[in-house]
Amino acid sequence: MKGDLDFDRLIATPDMMPAIAKLGKVLGPRGLMPSPKSGTVTADIKEAIDEFKKGKLEYRADKSGI
């Protein structure tokens, strides 16, 4: 793999989260870790993919709060 991640979003089902959690040290700092709050952990993968393809955005506040 050589450290290359060739994707912008990781969408997962709840039952896969324990396996993905093992990759947290790699995915977390890059902002790719799935979370239910952002809509990337869902049982309906097809619907989630369609929403993100249509342009669903994810907002995050930075540490400075600006």
Protein backbone atom coordinates (compact mmCIF):
# COMPACT_ATOMS: atom_id res chain seq x y z
CA MET A 1 0.00 0.00 0.00
CA LYS A 2 2.98 2.33 0.56
CA GLY A 3 0.90 4.77 2.65
CA ASP A 4 -1.32 5.94 -0.21
CA LEU A 5 -5.02 6.32 0.46
CA ASP A 6 -6.90 6.71 -2.79
CA PHE A 7 -10.32 7.79 -1.48
CA ASP A 8 -12.02 10.88 -0.04
CA ARG A 9 -14.68 9.24 2.14
CA LEU A 10 -15.01 5.99 4.00
CA ILE A 11 -18.60 4.79 4.40
CA ALA A 12 -19.14 1.77 6.64
CA THR A 13 -21.87 -0.31 8.23
CA PRO A 14 -22.08 -0.42 12.03
CA ASP A 15 -20.99 -4.08 12.14
CA MET A 16 -17.73 -3.22 10.34
CA MET A 17 -16.69 -0.49 12.77
CA PRO A 18 -14.66 -2.79 15.10
CA ALA A 19 -12.48 -3.80 12.13
CA ILE A 20 -12.14 -0.20 10.93
CA ALA A 21 -11.32 1.00 14.45
CA LYS A 22 -8.00 -0.81 14.16
CA LEU A 23 -7.11 1.66 11.40
CA GLY A 24 -7.97 4.69 13.55
CA LYS A 25 -4.38 5.87 13.91
CA VAL A 26 -4.09 6.14 10.13
CA LEU A 27 -7.60 7.35 9.24
CA GLY A 28 -8.22 9.71 12.17
CA PRO A 29 -5.53 12.34 11.53
CA ARG A 30 -6.52 12.47 7.85
CA GLY A 31 -10.19 13.04 8.71
CA LEU A 32 -11.31 9.81 7.07
CA MET A 33 -12.60 7.91 10.11
CA PRO A 34 -16.32 7.18 9.62
CA SER A 35 -18.78 8.42 12.24
CA PRO A 36 -22.55 8.28 12.63
CA LYS A 37 -22.65 12.04 13.21
CA SER A 38 -21.23 12.73 9.75
CA GLY A 39 -23.45 10.12 8.10
CA THR A 40 -20.62 7.81 7.10
CA VAL A 41 -21.71 4.98 9.41
CA THR A 42 -25.03 3.69 8.19
CA ALA A 43 -26.88 0.47 7.44
CA ASP A 44 -28.04 1.85 4.09
CA ILE A 45 -24.80 2.16 2.14
CA LYS A 46 -26.48 2.82 -1.22
CA GLU A 47 -28.41 5.82 0.16
CA ALA A 48 -25.27 7.23 1.81
CA ILE A 49 -23.27 6.95 -1.40
CA ASP A 50 -26.05 8.66 -3.36
CA GLU A 51 -26.19 11.53 -0.81
CA PHE A 52 -22.43 12.14 -0.98
CA LYS A 53 -22.42 11.95 -4.79
CA LYS A 54 -25.14 14.61 -4.85
CA GLY A 55 -22.90 16.89 -2.82
CA LYS A 56 -23.61 16.32 0.86
CA LEU A 57 -21.06 18.31 2.82
CA GLU A 58 -19.55 17.70 6.21
CA TYR A 59 -18.70 20.70 8.36
CA ARG A 60 -16.20 20.71 11.20
CA ALA A 61 -15.24 23.48 13.56
CA ASP A 62 -11.53 24.04 13.89
CA LYS A 63 -9.74 24.38 17.24
CA SER A 64 -9.62 28.17 17.10
CA GLY A 65 -13.40 28.36 16.59
CA ILE A 66 -13.14 30.86 13.74
